[in-house]
Amino acid sequence: MALLKDGIRIASFCSGPVSERKRTALFCIITRKDTVEGMLSSDVEIDGFDGEKKILHTLRRSRFASQVGLIALNGVALAGLNVVDIAKLSKSAGIPAVAVTRKAPGRSMMEAAIRKHCKGDVKAAEAKIMALRSAGTFHRVGGFYVCSSASASEIKHLVAPAAAGLRIAHMAARACSTGESAGRL
């Protein structure tokens, strides 16, 4: 894969807060360099299995589908424990995908949470844990932890723009779900 260029369009996805409902907002901000070029929205099942499908559907139905060069996620899970297989998402989309977090990921804690949540359904728990493990290793890049289907050297210069888009997506998802944005990426 060739080095990803500056100026590519990045689709940054973030889900809304987890609540007592079954679904929450899924927002995507399309950025190029320092410019927001578009916003996409959908919804995603809380603790479900539809994260990858919803990301692909939301992106493919948009006018930006053929223009996006990188998919960025706020971590490897949407809406609680809706784990997205980063490698599978990248392969299905035909472009690199990256998970970006500010804090060091606690993979063993997340696996324990998945097992606890899916206690009656071992098959579901194992599917989520396999997706989590297939994401690979998180590497520190600048002030973030990054896991990607592309190499760290290929995406290093895109982490800051991806994080900026994720921050806007996070605020939009929160605002549309609760009436006001809060927190940070």
N, C-alpha and C. Protein backbone atom coordinates (compact mmCIF):
# COMPACT_ATOMS: atom_id res chain seq x y z
N MET A 1 0.85 -1.18 0.00
CA MET A 1 0.00 0.00 0.00
C MET A 1 0.89 1.24 0.00
N ALA A 2 0.56 2.19 -0.85
CA ALA A 2 1.34 3.43 -0.91
C ALA A 2 1.05 4.27 0.33
N LEU A 3 2.01 5.11 0.64
CA LEU A 3 1.86 6.01 1.78
C LEU A 3 0.62 6.87 1.58
N LEU A 4 -0.23 6.95 2.60
CA LEU A 4 -1.43 7.77 2.52
C LEU A 4 -1.03 9.24 2.46
N LYS A 5 -1.59 9.98 1.55
CA LYS A 5 -1.20 11.36 1.31
C LYS A 5 -1.91 12.33 2.23
N ASP A 6 -1.23 13.45 2.50
CA ASP A 6 -1.91 14.56 3.16
C ASP A 6 -3.04 15.02 2.25
N GLY A 7 -4.10 15.48 2.83
CA GLY A 7 -5.20 16.00 2.03
C GLY A 7 -6.23 14.99 1.60
N ILE A 8 -6.07 13.72 2.01
CA ILE A 8 -7.11 12.75 1.66
C ILE A 8 -8.34 13.04 2.53
N ARG A 9 -9.47 12.57 2.09
CA ARG A 9 -10.68 12.74 2.88
C ARG A 9 -10.73 11.64 3.94
N ILE A 10 -11.06 12.05 5.15
CA ILE A 10 -11.14 11.12 6.27
C ILE A 10 -12.58 11.08 6.75
N ALA A 11 -13.13 9.89 6.89
CA ALA A 11 -14.47 9.69 7.45
C ALA A 11 -14.30 9.27 8.91
N SER A 12 -14.64 10.18 9.83
CA SER A 12 -14.46 9.94 11.27
C SER A 12 -15.80 9.59 11.89
N PHE A 13 -15.91 8.37 12.45
CA PHE A 13 -17.17 7.87 13.01
C PHE A 13 -17.12 7.84 14.54
N CYS A 14 -18.21 8.26 15.16
CA CYS A 14 -18.35 8.19 16.61
C CYS A 14 -19.81 7.94 16.95
N SER A 15 -20.05 7.16 17.97
CA SER A 15 -21.42 6.88 18.39
C SER A 15 -21.82 7.78 19.55
N GLY A 16 -23.12 7.89 19.73
CA GLY A 16 -23.66 8.66 20.84
C GLY A 16 -23.53 7.90 22.14
N PRO A 17 -24.00 8.50 23.22
CA PRO A 17 -23.87 7.87 24.53
C PRO A 17 -24.74 6.62 24.67
N VAL A 18 -24.30 5.73 25.52
CA VAL A 18 -25.06 4.52 25.83
C VAL A 18 -26.13 4.90 26.84
N SER A 19 -27.34 4.45 26.58
CA SER A 19 -28.46 4.76 27.48
C SER A 19 -29.31 3.51 27.66
N GLU A 20 -30.48 3.69 28.17
CA GLU A 20 -31.41 2.57 28.38
C GLU A 20 -32.06 2.13 27.07
N ARG A 21 -31.92 2.93 26.04
CA ARG A 21 -32.50 2.58 24.74
C ARG A 21 -31.67 1.48 24.08
N LYS A 22 -32.18 0.95 22.98
CA LYS A 22 -31.49 -0.12 22.28
C LYS A 22 -30.52 0.40 21.22
N ARG A 23 -30.72 1.65 20.78
CA ARG A 23 -29.89 2.22 19.73
C ARG A 23 -29.42 3.61 20.15
N THR A 24 -28.35 4.07 19.51
CA THR A 24 -27.85 5.42 19.74
C THR A 24 -27.38 5.99 18.41
N ALA A 25 -27.12 7.28 18.39
CA ALA A 25 -26.70 7.97 17.17
C ALA A 25 -25.33 7.49 16.72
N LEU A 26 -25.14 7.50 15.42
CA LEU A 26 -23.84 7.24 14.81
C LEU A 26 -23.57 8.40 13.87
N PHE A 27 -22.52 9.16 14.15
CA PHE A 27 -22.19 10.32 13.34
C PHE A 27 -20.87 10.11 12.63
N CYS A 28 -20.80 10.69 11.44
CA CYS A 28 -19.57 10.67 10.66
C CYS A 28 -19.30 12.10 10.19
N ILE A 29 -18.09 12.53 10.39
CA ILE A 29 -17.64 13.82 9.90
C ILE A 29 -16.62 13.55 8.79
N ILE A 30 -16.85 14.13 7.63
CA ILE A 30 -15.92 14.01 6.51
C ILE A 30 -15.04 15.25 6.51
N THR A 31 -13.74 15.04 6.65
CA THR A 31 -12.80 16.15 6.66
C THR A 31 -11.75 15.97 5.57
N ARG A 32 -11.21 17.09 5.15
CA ARG A 32 -10.07 17.10 4.22
C ARG A 32 -9.20 18.26 4.65
N LYS A 33 -7.98 17.95 5.03
CA LYS A 33 -7.07 18.92 5.63
C LYS A 33 -7.75 19.51 6.85
N ASP A 34 -7.95 20.81 6.91
CA ASP A 34 -8.57 21.45 8.07
C ASP A 34 -10.02 21.82 7.83
N THR A 35 -10.65 21.22 6.83
CA THR A 35 -12.00 21.61 6.45
C THR A 35 -12.99 20.47 6.67
N VAL A 36 -14.10 20.79 7.30
CA VAL A 36 -15.21 19.83 7.40
C VAL A 36 -15.98 19.93 6.09
N GLU A 37 -16.06 18.82 5.36
CA GLU A 37 -16.72 18.83 4.07
C GLU A 37 -18.12 18.23 4.11
N GLY A 38 -18.43 17.52 5.18
CA GLY A 38 -19.76 16.94 5.26
C GLY A 38 -19.99 16.20 6.56
N MET A 39 -21.26 15.91 6.81
CA MET A 39 -21.67 15.14 7.99
C MET A 39 -22.65 14.07 7.54
N LEU A 40 -22.51 12.90 8.12
CA LEU A 40 -23.42 11.80 7.85
C LEU A 40 -23.96 11.31 9.18
N SER A 41 -25.17 10.77 9.18
CA SER A 41 -25.70 10.24 10.43
C SER A 41 -26.50 8.96 10.17
N SER A 42 -26.53 8.17 11.20
CA SER A 42 -27.29 6.93 11.20
C SER A 42 -27.53 6.58 12.67
N ASP A 43 -27.76 5.33 12.94
CA ASP A 43 -27.83 4.87 14.32
C ASP A 43 -27.16 3.51 14.40
N VAL A 44 -26.87 3.08 15.61
CA VAL A 44 -26.17 1.83 15.81
C VAL A 44 -26.72 1.18 17.08
N GLU A 45 -26.73 -0.14 17.11
CA GLU A 45 -27.25 -0.88 18.25
C GLU A 45 -26.28 -0.82 19.43
N ILE A 46 -26.80 -0.48 20.58
CA ILE A 46 -25.99 -0.45 21.79
C ILE A 46 -25.61 -1.89 22.15
N ASP A 47 -24.32 -2.11 22.34
CA ASP A 47 -23.75 -3.43 22.66
C ASP A 47 -24.05 -4.48 21.60
N GLY A 48 -24.34 -4.04 20.39
CA GLY A 48 -24.76 -4.97 19.34
C GLY A 48 -23.64 -5.49 18.47
N PHE A 49 -24.02 -5.89 17.25
CA PHE A 49 -23.09 -6.47 16.29
C PHE A 49 -23.13 -5.76 14.94
N ASP A 50 -23.80 -4.61 14.86
CA ASP A 50 -24.01 -3.97 13.56
C ASP A 50 -23.08 -2.81 13.26
N GLY A 51 -22.04 -2.59 14.05
CA GLY A 51 -21.16 -1.44 13.87
C GLY A 51 -20.52 -1.37 12.50
N GLU A 52 -19.88 -2.44 12.09
CA GLU A 52 -19.21 -2.46 10.78
C GLU A 52 -20.21 -2.25 9.65
N LYS A 53 -21.32 -2.96 9.71
CA LYS A 53 -22.35 -2.86 8.67
C LYS A 53 -22.90 -1.44 8.59
N LYS A 54 -23.14 -0.81 9.73
CA LYS A 54 -23.68 0.55 9.75
C LYS A 54 -22.67 1.56 9.21
N ILE A 55 -21.40 1.39 9.55
CA ILE A 55 -20.36 2.29 9.02
C ILE A 55 -20.32 2.19 7.50
N LEU A 56 -20.25 0.98 6.99
CA LEU A 56 -20.18 0.77 5.54
C LEU A 56 -21.43 1.30 4.84
N HIS A 57 -22.60 1.01 5.38
CA HIS A 57 -23.85 1.47 4.76
C HIS A 57 -23.92 2.99 4.76
N THR A 58 -23.57 3.60 5.88
CA THR A 58 -23.63 5.07 5.99
C THR A 58 -22.68 5.71 4.99
N LEU A 59 -21.49 5.18 4.90
CA LEU A 59 -20.51 5.75 3.98
C LEU A 59 -20.89 5.49 2.52
N ARG A 60 -21.29 4.27 2.20
CA ARG A 60 -21.59 3.91 0.80
C ARG A 60 -22.80 4.65 0.24
N ARG A 61 -23.75 5.02 1.09
CA ARG A 61 -24.93 5.73 0.58
C ARG A 61 -24.69 7.22 0.43
N SER A 62 -23.51 7.67 0.79
CA SER A 62 -23.22 9.11 0.73
C SER A 62 -22.54 9.50 -0.58
N ARG A 63 -22.54 10.78 -0.87
CA ARG A 63 -21.85 11.29 -2.06
C ARG A 63 -20.33 11.26 -1.89
N PHE A 64 -19.85 10.99 -0.68
CA PHE A 64 -18.42 10.95 -0.40
C PHE A 64 -17.81 9.55 -0.56
N ALA A 65 -18.63 8.57 -0.84
CA ALA A 65 -18.19 7.17 -0.82
C ALA A 65 -16.91 6.92 -1.63
N SER A 66 -16.82 7.44 -2.81
CA SER A 66 -15.65 7.17 -3.66
C SER A 66 -14.48 8.10 -3.35
N GLN A 67 -14.68 9.09 -2.47
CA GLN A 67 -13.65 10.10 -2.22
C GLN A 67 -12.88 9.87 -0.92
N VAL A 68 -13.42 9.07 -0.02
CA VAL A 68 -12.80 8.86 1.29
C VAL A 68 -11.60 7.93 1.17
N GLY A 69 -10.50 8.30 1.81
CA GLY A 69 -9.28 7.50 1.76
C GLY A 69 -8.92 6.84 3.06
N LEU A 70 -9.64 7.18 4.15
CA LEU A 70 -9.35 6.62 5.48
C LEU A 70 -10.61 6.68 6.33
N ILE A 71 -10.88 5.59 7.05
CA ILE A 71 -11.98 5.56 8.03
C ILE A 71 -11.35 5.62 9.41
N ALA A 72 -11.83 6.53 10.24
CA ALA A 72 -11.33 6.67 11.62
C ALA A 72 -12.46 6.40 12.59
N LEU A 73 -12.15 5.63 13.63
CA LEU A 73 -13.12 5.33 14.68
C LEU A 73 -12.59 5.79 16.02
N ASN A 74 -13.50 6.15 16.90
CA ASN A 74 -13.14 6.51 18.27
C ASN A 74 -13.06 5.20 19.06
N GLY A 75 -11.92 4.51 18.98
CA GLY A 75 -11.75 3.21 19.63
C GLY A 75 -12.25 2.10 18.74
N VAL A 76 -12.14 0.87 19.22
CA VAL A 76 -12.55 -0.29 18.42
C VAL A 76 -13.99 -0.71 18.68
N ALA A 77 -14.67 0.00 19.56
CA ALA A 77 -16.07 -0.33 19.84
C ALA A 77 -16.93 0.91 19.75
N LEU A 78 -18.10 0.76 19.17
CA LEU A 78 -19.11 1.81 19.12
C LEU A 78 -20.17 1.47 20.14
N ALA A 79 -20.87 2.45 20.61
CA ALA A 79 -22.08 2.23 21.43
C ALA A 79 -21.87 1.15 22.49
N GLY A 80 -20.91 1.35 23.34
CA GLY A 80 -20.64 0.38 24.40
C GLY A 80 -19.76 -0.74 23.90
N LEU A 81 -20.34 -1.91 23.70
CA LEU A 81 -19.57 -3.10 23.31
C LEU A 81 -19.90 -3.58 21.90
N ASN A 82 -20.21 -2.66 21.01
CA ASN A 82 -20.43 -2.99 19.61
C ASN A 82 -19.06 -2.95 18.92
N VAL A 83 -18.32 -4.04 19.06
CA VAL A 83 -16.92 -4.12 18.62
C VAL A 83 -16.86 -4.19 17.10
N VAL A 84 -15.97 -3.36 16.53
CA VAL A 84 -15.77 -3.32 15.09
C VAL A 84 -14.43 -3.99 14.77
N ASP A 85 -14.44 -4.94 13.88
CA ASP A 85 -13.22 -5.60 13.43
C ASP A 85 -12.55 -4.66 12.43
N ILE A 86 -11.50 -3.97 12.86
CA ILE A 86 -10.83 -2.95 12.05
C ILE A 86 -10.31 -3.53 10.74
N ALA A 87 -9.69 -4.70 10.80
CA ALA A 87 -9.14 -5.32 9.58
C ALA A 87 -10.25 -5.69 8.61
N LYS A 88 -11.33 -6.23 9.11
CA LYS A 88 -12.46 -6.62 8.26
C LYS A 88 -13.13 -5.37 7.66
N LEU A 89 -13.28 -4.32 8.47
CA LEU A 89 -13.86 -3.06 7.99
C LEU A 89 -13.01 -2.51 6.85
N SER A 90 -11.70 -2.50 7.03
CA SER A 90 -10.79 -1.99 6.01
C SER A 90 -10.91 -2.80 4.72
N LYS A 91 -10.94 -4.11 4.84
CA LYS A 91 -11.04 -4.98 3.67
C LYS A 91 -12.37 -4.76 2.95
N SER A 92 -13.46 -4.67 3.71
CA SER A 92 -14.79 -4.47 3.11
C SER A 92 -14.90 -3.11 2.43
N ALA A 93 -14.31 -2.10 3.04
CA ALA A 93 -14.39 -0.74 2.49
C ALA A 93 -13.39 -0.52 1.36
N GLY A 94 -12.31 -1.30 1.36
CA GLY A 94 -11.28 -1.14 0.35
C GLY A 94 -10.33 0.02 0.64
N ILE A 95 -10.36 0.52 1.87
CA ILE A 95 -9.46 1.62 2.30
C ILE A 95 -9.02 1.34 3.73
N PRO A 96 -7.92 1.94 4.17
CA PRO A 96 -7.47 1.71 5.54
C PRO A 96 -8.47 2.22 6.58
N ALA A 97 -8.47 1.57 7.71
CA ALA A 97 -9.28 1.99 8.86
C ALA A 97 -8.36 2.13 10.06
N VAL A 98 -8.68 3.05 10.94
CA VAL A 98 -7.85 3.32 12.10
C VAL A 98 -8.75 3.57 13.31
N ALA A 99 -8.34 3.03 14.46
CA ALA A 99 -9.02 3.33 15.73
C ALA A 99 -8.09 4.24 16.51
N VAL A 100 -8.62 5.33 17.02
CA VAL A 100 -7.83 6.32 17.74
C VAL A 100 -8.43 6.51 19.12
N THR A 101 -7.59 6.46 20.16
CA THR A 101 -8.05 6.73 21.52
C THR A 101 -7.03 7.63 22.22
N ARG A 102 -7.51 8.38 23.18
CA ARG A 102 -6.62 9.24 23.95
C ARG A 102 -5.95 8.44 25.07
N LYS A 103 -6.70 7.51 25.65
CA LYS A 103 -6.18 6.71 26.77
C LYS A 103 -5.69 5.36 26.25
N ALA A 104 -4.72 4.81 26.96
CA ALA A 104 -4.23 3.47 26.61
C ALA A 104 -5.37 2.48 26.75
N PRO A 105 -5.62 1.68 25.71
CA PRO A 105 -6.74 0.74 25.77
C PRO A 105 -6.50 -0.37 26.80
N GLY A 106 -7.52 -0.70 27.54
CA GLY A 106 -7.47 -1.79 28.50
C GLY A 106 -8.13 -3.02 27.91
N ARG A 107 -7.40 -3.72 27.07
CA ARG A 107 -7.97 -4.85 26.32
C ARG A 107 -8.48 -5.95 27.25
N SER A 108 -7.74 -6.29 28.30
CA SER A 108 -8.19 -7.35 29.21
C SER A 108 -9.46 -6.92 29.95
N MET A 109 -9.55 -5.65 30.30
CA MET A 109 -10.76 -5.15 30.96
C MET A 109 -11.95 -5.20 30.00
N MET A 110 -11.70 -4.89 28.74
CA MET A 110 -12.78 -4.92 27.76
C MET A 110 -13.24 -6.36 27.50
N GLU A 111 -12.30 -7.28 27.43
CA GLU A 111 -12.67 -8.69 27.27
C GLU A 111 -13.52 -9.17 28.44
N ALA A 112 -13.14 -8.76 29.65
CA ALA A 112 -13.92 -9.14 30.83
C ALA A 112 -15.32 -8.54 30.76
N ALA A 113 -15.43 -7.30 30.31
CA ALA A 113 -16.75 -6.65 30.18
C ALA A 113 -17.60 -7.37 29.14
N ILE A 114 -16.97 -7.79 28.04
CA ILE A 114 -17.70 -8.53 27.00
C ILE A 114 -18.22 -9.85 27.56
N ARG A 115 -17.35 -10.59 28.26
CA ARG A 115 -17.78 -11.87 28.84
C ARG A 115 -18.92 -11.68 29.84
N LYS A 116 -18.83 -10.64 30.64
CA LYS A 116 -19.88 -10.36 31.64
C LYS A 116 -21.19 -10.01 30.94
N HIS A 117 -21.11 -9.15 29.93
CA HIS A 117 -22.32 -8.72 29.22
C HIS A 117 -22.97 -9.87 28.45
N CYS A 118 -22.16 -10.75 27.87
CA CYS A 118 -22.66 -11.85 27.04
C CYS A 118 -22.67 -13.17 27.80
N LYS A 119 -22.78 -13.12 29.11
CA LYS A 119 -22.61 -14.32 29.94
C LYS A 119 -23.45 -15.52 29.50
N GLY A 120 -24.63 -15.29 28.96
CA GLY A 120 -25.46 -16.40 28.52
C GLY A 120 -25.19 -16.84 27.10
N ASP A 121 -24.39 -16.09 26.39
CA ASP A 121 -24.15 -16.37 24.97
C ASP A 121 -22.64 -16.39 24.70
N VAL A 122 -22.05 -17.56 24.90
CA VAL A 122 -20.60 -17.73 24.74
C VAL A 122 -20.17 -17.44 23.31
N LYS A 123 -20.97 -17.85 22.34
CA LYS A 123 -20.64 -17.64 20.93
C LYS A 123 -20.56 -16.14 20.62
N ALA A 124 -21.50 -15.35 21.13
CA ALA A 124 -21.49 -13.90 20.91
C ALA A 124 -20.27 -13.27 21.56
N ALA A 125 -19.97 -13.69 22.78
CA ALA A 125 -18.80 -13.16 23.49
C ALA A 125 -17.52 -13.45 22.72
N GLU A 126 -17.38 -14.67 22.24
CA GLU A 126 -16.17 -15.04 21.50
C GLU A 126 -16.05 -14.28 20.19
N ALA A 127 -17.17 -14.02 19.52
CA ALA A 127 -17.14 -13.26 18.27
C ALA A 127 -16.65 -11.84 18.52
N LYS A 128 -17.14 -11.22 19.59
CA LYS A 128 -16.70 -9.86 19.93
C LYS A 128 -15.23 -9.85 20.35
N ILE A 129 -14.81 -10.83 21.11
CA ILE A 129 -13.42 -10.89 21.56
C ILE A 129 -12.48 -11.14 20.38
N MET A 130 -12.90 -11.98 19.42
CA MET A 130 -12.09 -12.21 18.22
C MET A 130 -11.93 -10.92 17.43
N ALA A 131 -13.01 -10.15 17.28
CA ALA A 131 -12.96 -8.87 16.57
C ALA A 131 -12.03 -7.90 17.31
N LEU A 132 -12.12 -7.90 18.61
CA LEU A 132 -11.26 -7.04 19.44
C LEU A 132 -9.79 -7.41 19.24
N ARG A 133 -9.50 -8.69 19.31
CA ARG A 133 -8.11 -9.15 19.16
C ARG A 133 -7.58 -8.95 17.74
N SER A 134 -8.44 -9.07 16.75
CA SER A 134 -7.98 -8.91 15.37
C SER A 134 -7.60 -7.47 15.05
N ALA A 135 -8.01 -6.55 15.91
CA ALA A 135 -7.64 -5.14 15.70
C ALA A 135 -6.13 -4.96 15.76
N GLY A 136 -5.46 -5.83 16.45
CA GLY A 136 -4.00 -5.72 16.55
C GLY A 136 -3.57 -4.88 17.73
N THR A 137 -2.36 -4.40 17.64
CA THR A 137 -1.75 -3.68 18.74
C THR A 137 -1.93 -2.18 18.57
N PHE A 138 -2.19 -1.50 19.67
CA PHE A 138 -2.25 -0.05 19.66
C PHE A 138 -0.84 0.50 19.84
N HIS A 139 -0.51 1.51 19.05
CA HIS A 139 0.79 2.17 19.13
C HIS A 139 0.58 3.62 19.52
N ARG A 140 1.49 4.14 20.30
CA ARG A 140 1.41 5.54 20.68
C ARG A 140 1.92 6.39 19.52
N VAL A 141 1.08 7.30 19.06
CA VAL A 141 1.42 8.23 17.99
C VAL A 141 1.02 9.61 18.48
N GLY A 142 2.02 10.44 18.77
CA GLY A 142 1.72 11.75 19.33
C GLY A 142 1.05 11.56 20.68
N GLY A 143 -0.04 12.22 20.92
CA GLY A 143 -0.77 12.10 22.17
C GLY A 143 -1.89 11.08 22.13
N PHE A 144 -1.87 10.17 21.15
CA PHE A 144 -2.96 9.22 20.98
C PHE A 144 -2.43 7.79 20.90
N TYR A 145 -3.34 6.85 21.09
CA TYR A 145 -3.06 5.44 20.85
C TYR A 145 -3.81 5.07 19.58
N VAL A 146 -3.11 4.41 18.67
CA VAL A 146 -3.65 4.16 17.34
C VAL A 146 -3.49 2.69 16.98
N CYS A 147 -4.54 2.15 16.42
CA CYS A 147 -4.54 0.78 15.90
C CYS A 147 -5.08 0.89 14.48
N SER A 148 -4.35 0.33 13.51
CA SER A 148 -4.74 0.54 12.12
C SER A 148 -4.49 -0.67 11.26
N SER A 149 -5.25 -0.72 10.16
CA SER A 149 -5.00 -1.73 9.14
C SER A 149 -3.82 -1.31 8.27
N ALA A 150 -3.43 -0.05 8.34
CA ALA A 150 -2.22 0.44 7.67
C ALA A 150 -1.11 0.49 8.72
N SER A 151 0.12 0.62 8.28
CA SER A 151 1.23 0.67 9.23
C SER A 151 1.26 2.03 9.93
N ALA A 152 1.89 2.07 11.10
CA ALA A 152 2.00 3.31 11.87
C ALA A 152 2.69 4.40 11.05
N SER A 153 3.69 4.04 10.27
CA SER A 153 4.38 5.05 9.47
C SER A 153 3.49 5.62 8.36
N GLU A 154 2.58 4.80 7.85
CA GLU A 154 1.68 5.26 6.79
C GLU A 154 0.63 6.24 7.31
N ILE A 155 0.23 6.10 8.56
CA ILE A 155 -0.87 6.93 9.06
C ILE A 155 -0.43 7.98 10.07
N LYS A 156 0.84 8.00 10.41
CA LYS A 156 1.34 8.91 11.45
C LYS A 156 0.90 10.35 11.22
N HIS A 157 1.05 10.84 9.99
CA HIS A 157 0.71 12.23 9.67
C HIS A 157 -0.80 12.47 9.59
N LEU A 158 -1.61 11.41 9.64
CA LEU A 158 -3.06 11.56 9.55
C LEU A 158 -3.76 11.43 10.90
N VAL A 159 -3.02 11.11 11.96
CA VAL A 159 -3.64 10.91 13.27
C VAL A 159 -4.28 12.21 13.79
N ALA A 160 -3.56 13.31 13.71
CA ALA A 160 -4.11 14.58 14.21
C ALA A 160 -5.36 15.00 13.44
N PRO A 161 -5.37 14.96 12.09
CA PRO A 161 -6.61 15.29 11.38
C PRO A 161 -7.75 14.32 11.69
N ALA A 162 -7.43 13.03 11.83
CA ALA A 162 -8.47 12.05 12.17
C ALA A 162 -9.04 12.34 13.56
N ALA A 163 -8.18 12.65 14.51
CA ALA A 163 -8.63 12.97 15.87
C ALA A 163 -9.50 14.22 15.88
N ALA A 164 -9.16 15.21 15.06
CA ALA A 164 -9.98 16.43 14.99
C ALA A 164 -11.38 16.10 14.47
N GLY A 165 -11.47 15.26 13.44
CA GLY A 165 -12.78 14.84 12.92
C GLY A 165 -13.55 14.01 13.93
N LEU A 166 -12.84 13.15 14.66
CA LEU A 166 -13.49 12.33 15.69
C LEU A 166 -14.05 13.21 16.81
N ARG A 167 -13.34 14.26 17.16
CA ARG A 167 -13.81 15.16 18.21
C ARG A 167 -15.13 15.83 17.79
N ILE A 168 -15.21 16.28 16.55
CA ILE A 168 -16.43 16.90 16.06
C ILE A 168 -17.56 15.88 16.00
N ALA A 169 -17.26 14.66 15.52
CA ALA A 169 -18.27 13.60 15.45
C ALA A 169 -18.78 13.26 16.85
N HIS A 170 -17.86 13.22 17.82
CA HIS A 170 -18.23 12.93 19.21
C HIS A 170 -19.17 14.00 19.74
N MET A 171 -18.84 15.27 19.51
CA MET A 171 -19.69 16.36 19.99
C MET A 171 -21.06 16.34 19.31
N ALA A 172 -21.10 16.07 18.01
CA ALA A 172 -22.37 16.02 17.29
C ALA A 172 -23.24 14.87 17.78
N ALA A 173 -22.65 13.70 17.96
CA ALA A 173 -23.43 12.55 18.44
C ALA A 173 -23.97 12.81 19.84
N ARG A 174 -23.17 13.39 20.69
CA ARG A 174 -23.59 13.70 22.06
C ARG A 174 -24.69 14.76 22.06
N ALA A 175 -24.51 15.82 21.28
CA ALA A 175 -25.50 16.89 21.23
C ALA A 175 -26.84 16.42 20.70
N CYS A 176 -26.81 15.60 19.65
CA CYS A 176 -28.06 15.10 19.09
C CYS A 176 -28.76 14.10 19.99
N SER A 177 -28.00 13.42 20.83
CA SER A 177 -28.57 12.43 21.74
C SER A 177 -29.08 13.04 23.05
N THR A 178 -28.36 14.04 23.55
CA THR A 178 -28.70 14.59 24.87
C THR A 178 -29.12 16.05 24.85
N GLY A 179 -28.92 16.72 23.71
CA GLY A 179 -29.26 18.13 23.62
C GLY A 179 -28.07 19.05 23.83
N GLU A 180 -26.93 18.50 24.27
CA GLU A 180 -25.75 19.33 24.49
C GLU A 180 -24.49 18.47 24.37
N SER A 181 -23.47 19.05 23.77
CA SER A 181 -22.22 18.31 23.65
C SER A 181 -21.46 18.39 24.97
N ALA A 182 -20.67 17.37 25.22
CA ALA A 182 -19.88 17.32 26.44
C ALA A 182 -18.69 16.39 26.23
N GLY A 183 -17.68 16.57 27.05
CA GLY A 183 -16.52 15.67 27.00
C GLY A 183 -15.65 15.93 25.82
N ARG A 184 -14.62 15.12 25.71
CA ARG A 184 -13.70 15.22 24.58
C ARG A 184 -13.27 13.82 24.18
N LEU A 185 -12.66 13.75 23.01
CA LEU A 185 -12.19 12.46 22.48
C LEU A 185 -11.18 11.88 23.43
